[in-house]
Amino acid sequence: MTAAILLNGDPYSGEIKCDRAYCCDGAYMWAAGKVKIDENLGDFDSLAFTPEPPPEKIYPAEKNFTDGEIALYKAVADGADEIIFYGGTGGRSDHFLGNLHLLYAAHMRGAKCSLESDTELIFPASGKIFLGKFAGRTLSVLPFGGELHILESAGLKYSYPDRISYGECRGISNICLSADAYLEVAGLALVIINKGEV
């Protein structure tokens, strides 16, 4: 099952394809009418009305989890094996960084996951990462949760060092050159694809 988690950041203007859509609070303002919302979740402190479909539960505004976390746990419990976050960029920096942590949490729970905006595609990956479909795009690779070892790469403009430690920015701004491009890593990488042409 592919789940879409709709967050209250910059609205996403592209098409959203999913088996089930979870809408977090104020994301309803940009997502309603764009995609069929199966479940509205959160504390609804960003809306002055009750969304459709009505939420099964309204969480207190002062709680230990963000609305995005609640949606993630719900999607995993419902059997999602792929989770795509939309509306997770823009706005407050702390929320954006928190949304990157949601990617990590989804990955650690065994789900294929990504965060998509109008300008970027962000996803965690390990092992052999095939990048050919991003030929002609700028990409960055950062260690995600610990040290990243680069085992092999091909089809990229710049070669990577053998190791990128947490706190280093040596994986920023590479260019994918060919349809055969790939990167093989040990550890977890955060891959950021710029959707614009180089």
Protein backbone atom coordinates (compact mmCIF):
# COMPACT_ATOMS: atom_id res chain seq x y z
CA MET A 1 0.00 0.00 0.00
CA THR A 2 1.26 3.44 -0.94
CA ALA A 3 0.35 6.13 1.58
CA ALA A 4 0.47 9.87 1.02
CA ILE A 5 1.01 12.01 4.11
CA LEU A 6 -0.03 15.60 3.46
CA LEU A 7 1.74 18.16 5.63
CA ASN A 8 1.08 21.83 6.33
CA GLY A 9 4.09 23.32 4.53
CA ASP A 10 4.47 24.59 0.98
CA PRO A 11 1.54 23.27 -1.09
CA TYR A 12 2.41 20.57 -3.61
CA SER A 13 1.13 21.36 -7.11
CA GLY A 14 1.86 18.04 -8.82
CA GLU A 15 -0.30 14.94 -9.10
CA ILE A 16 -0.62 12.78 -5.99
CA LYS A 17 -1.10 9.06 -6.58
CA CYS A 18 -1.66 6.82 -3.58
CA ASP A 19 -3.82 4.08 -2.15
CA ARG A 20 -4.59 6.06 1.00
CA ALA A 21 -4.11 9.74 1.90
CA TYR A 22 -3.61 11.01 5.44
CA CYS A 23 -4.07 14.77 5.81
CA CYS A 24 -2.44 16.61 8.71
CA ASP A 25 -4.37 19.58 10.06
CA GLY A 26 -3.75 22.72 7.95
CA ALA A 27 -2.63 20.73 4.92
CA TYR A 28 -6.35 20.41 4.26
CA MET A 29 -6.30 23.99 2.93
CA TRP A 30 -4.17 23.00 -0.08
CA ALA A 31 -5.02 19.30 -0.40
CA ALA A 32 -8.84 19.29 -0.29
CA GLY A 33 -10.15 18.73 -3.79
CA LYS A 34 -6.68 17.79 -5.06
CA VAL A 35 -6.62 14.24 -3.75
CA LYS A 36 -9.18 12.03 -2.06
CA ILE A 37 -8.46 12.38 1.66
CA ASP A 38 -9.12 9.14 3.51
CA GLU A 39 -8.31 10.38 6.99
CA ASN A 40 -7.81 13.76 8.63
CA LEU A 41 -5.42 13.69 11.58
CA GLY A 42 -4.05 16.13 14.13
CA ASP A 43 -5.01 18.75 16.67
CA PHE A 44 -6.61 21.05 14.06
CA ASP A 45 -5.15 24.19 15.60
CA SER A 46 -4.56 25.47 12.05
CA LEU A 47 -8.17 25.17 10.89
CA ALA A 48 -11.22 27.11 12.02
CA PHE A 49 -13.61 24.37 10.85
CA THR A 50 -13.97 20.60 10.86
CA PRO A 51 -12.55 19.02 7.68
CA GLU A 52 -14.16 16.28 5.58
CA PRO A 53 -14.10 13.44 6.31
CA PRO A 54 -14.49 14.34 10.00
CA PRO A 55 -11.53 13.17 12.10
CA GLU A 56 -12.06 10.11 14.27
CA LYS A 57 -10.11 11.85 17.03
CA ILE A 58 -8.96 15.40 17.70
CA TYR A 59 -5.62 15.41 19.49
CA PRO A 60 -4.71 18.06 22.07
CA ALA A 61 -2.54 20.89 20.79
CA GLU A 62 -0.05 20.21 23.58
CA LYS A 63 1.09 16.66 22.85
CA ASN A 64 4.26 14.60 22.54
CA PHE A 65 3.97 13.96 18.80
CA THR A 66 3.65 16.17 15.73
CA ASP A 67 0.67 15.68 13.45
CA GLY A 68 3.09 14.20 10.88
CA GLU A 69 4.27 11.60 13.39
CA ILE A 70 0.68 10.64 14.17
CA ALA A 71 0.02 10.18 10.45
CA LEU A 72 3.21 8.15 9.98
CA TYR A 73 2.39 5.75 12.81
CA LYS A 74 -1.16 5.42 11.50
CA ALA A 75 0.04 4.68 7.94
CA VAL A 76 2.51 2.05 9.17
CA ALA A 77 -0.16 0.44 11.36
CA ASP A 78 -2.50 0.34 8.34
CA GLY A 79 0.12 -1.63 6.37
CA ALA A 80 1.77 1.04 4.20
CA ASP A 81 5.00 -0.21 2.63
CA GLU A 82 5.62 3.01 0.71
CA ILE A 83 5.08 6.45 2.23
CA ILE A 84 5.36 9.73 0.34
CA PHE A 85 5.28 13.00 2.25
CA TYR A 86 3.95 16.10 0.49
CA GLY A 87 3.93 19.67 1.80
CA GLY A 88 6.90 18.96 4.07
CA THR A 89 9.12 21.85 2.97
CA GLY A 90 8.87 25.61 3.42
CA GLY A 91 7.62 27.44 6.47
CA ARG A 92 9.43 26.84 9.74
CA SER A 93 12.90 25.30 9.62
CA ASP A 94 12.27 23.21 12.74
CA HIS A 95 9.25 21.61 11.08
CA PHE A 96 11.24 20.87 7.91
CA LEU A 97 14.04 19.25 9.92
CA GLY A 98 11.43 17.30 11.86
CA ASN A 99 9.96 16.09 8.57
CA LEU A 100 13.39 14.76 7.56
CA HIS A 101 13.33 12.80 10.80
CA LEU A 102 9.97 11.37 9.73
CA LEU A 103 11.74 10.03 6.63
CA TYR A 104 14.30 8.37 8.88
CA ALA A 105 11.56 6.91 11.08
CA ALA A 106 9.67 5.56 8.07
CA HIS A 107 12.83 4.01 6.62
CA MET A 108 13.71 2.38 9.93
CA ARG A 109 10.23 0.83 9.99
CA GLY A 110 10.91 -0.83 6.64
CA ALA A 111 8.93 1.48 4.37
CA LYS A 112 10.17 2.88 1.10
CA CYS A 113 9.77 6.61 1.65
CA SER A 114 10.34 10.03 0.17
CA LEU A 115 9.49 13.69 0.66
CA GLU A 116 8.40 15.44 -2.50
CA SER A 117 8.02 19.15 -3.19
CA ASP A 118 7.63 21.12 -6.40
CA THR A 119 11.41 21.64 -6.54
CA GLU A 120 12.97 18.61 -4.82
CA LEU A 121 12.72 14.90 -4.20
CA ILE A 122 14.33 13.75 -0.93
CA PHE A 123 14.72 10.12 0.15
CA PRO A 124 16.86 7.91 2.40
CA ALA A 125 18.66 4.98 0.77
CA SER A 126 21.34 2.41 1.42
CA GLY A 127 23.15 -0.23 -0.62
CA LYS A 128 23.14 0.32 -4.38
CA ILE A 129 21.21 3.46 -5.28
CA PHE A 130 20.21 3.70 -8.95
CA LEU A 131 20.17 7.33 -10.07
CA GLY A 132 19.88 7.10 -13.86
CA LYS A 133 16.32 8.43 -14.03
CA PHE A 134 17.69 11.70 -12.62
CA ALA A 135 20.16 12.25 -15.49
CA GLY A 136 20.68 15.95 -16.07
CA ARG A 137 19.76 16.88 -12.49
CA THR A 138 21.79 18.21 -9.59
CA LEU A 139 21.87 15.91 -6.59
CA SER A 140 23.34 15.91 -3.12
CA VAL A 141 24.16 12.96 -0.88
CA LEU A 142 24.54 13.39 2.87
CA PRO A 143 25.12 10.94 5.72
CA PHE A 144 21.84 10.27 7.49
CA GLY A 145 22.08 9.09 11.07
CA GLY A 146 25.81 8.28 11.05
CA GLU A 147 28.93 7.94 8.94
CA LEU A 148 28.46 7.13 5.26
CA HIS A 149 30.93 4.93 3.35
CA ILE A 150 31.01 5.33 -0.44
CA LEU A 151 31.82 1.93 -1.94
CA GLU A 152 31.41 2.71 -5.64
CA SER A 153 29.86 5.21 -8.01
CA ALA A 154 29.41 5.76 -11.73
CA GLY A 155 27.75 8.26 -14.05
CA LEU A 156 28.25 11.24 -11.74
CA LYS A 157 30.26 14.37 -12.56
CA TYR A 158 32.26 14.29 -9.32
CA SER A 159 33.62 11.30 -7.47
CA TYR A 160 32.90 11.03 -3.76
CA PRO A 161 35.45 10.44 -1.00
CA ASP A 162 35.55 6.97 0.53
CA ARG A 163 33.80 8.29 3.60
CA ILE A 164 31.54 11.22 4.48
CA SER A 165 31.34 11.81 8.20
CA TYR A 166 28.39 13.32 9.98
CA GLY A 167 28.91 17.09 9.95
CA GLU A 168 30.70 17.11 6.57
CA CYS A 169 29.18 18.64 3.44
CA ARG A 170 31.34 16.86 0.85
CA GLY A 171 28.33 15.28 -0.84
CA ILE A 172 26.65 18.56 -1.79
CA SER A 173 25.94 19.50 -5.45
CA ASN A 174 26.93 16.66 -7.73
CA ILE A 175 25.44 16.16 -11.20
CA CYS A 176 23.91 12.99 -12.58
CA LEU A 177 25.29 12.55 -16.10
CA SER A 178 23.93 9.28 -17.46
CA ALA A 179 21.11 6.76 -17.39
CA ASP A 180 23.57 4.24 -15.89
CA ALA A 181 24.42 6.39 -12.88
CA TYR A 182 24.48 4.77 -9.46
CA LEU A 183 26.00 5.08 -6.04
CA GLU A 184 26.73 2.20 -3.68
CA VAL A 185 27.02 3.00 0.01
CA ALA A 186 27.37 1.38 3.40
CA GLY A 187 25.33 3.28 5.94
CA LEU A 188 22.29 5.41 5.27
CA ALA A 189 22.36 8.24 2.74
CA LEU A 190 19.96 11.15 2.45
CA VAL A 191 19.62 11.81 -1.28
CA ILE A 192 18.31 15.18 -2.45
CA ILE A 193 17.38 15.55 -6.12
CA ASN A 194 16.86 19.02 -7.58
CA LYS A 195 14.01 18.80 -10.08
CA GLY A 196 15.29 21.70 -12.17
CA GLU A 197 17.73 21.18 -15.02
CA VAL A 198 21.43 21.85 -14.36
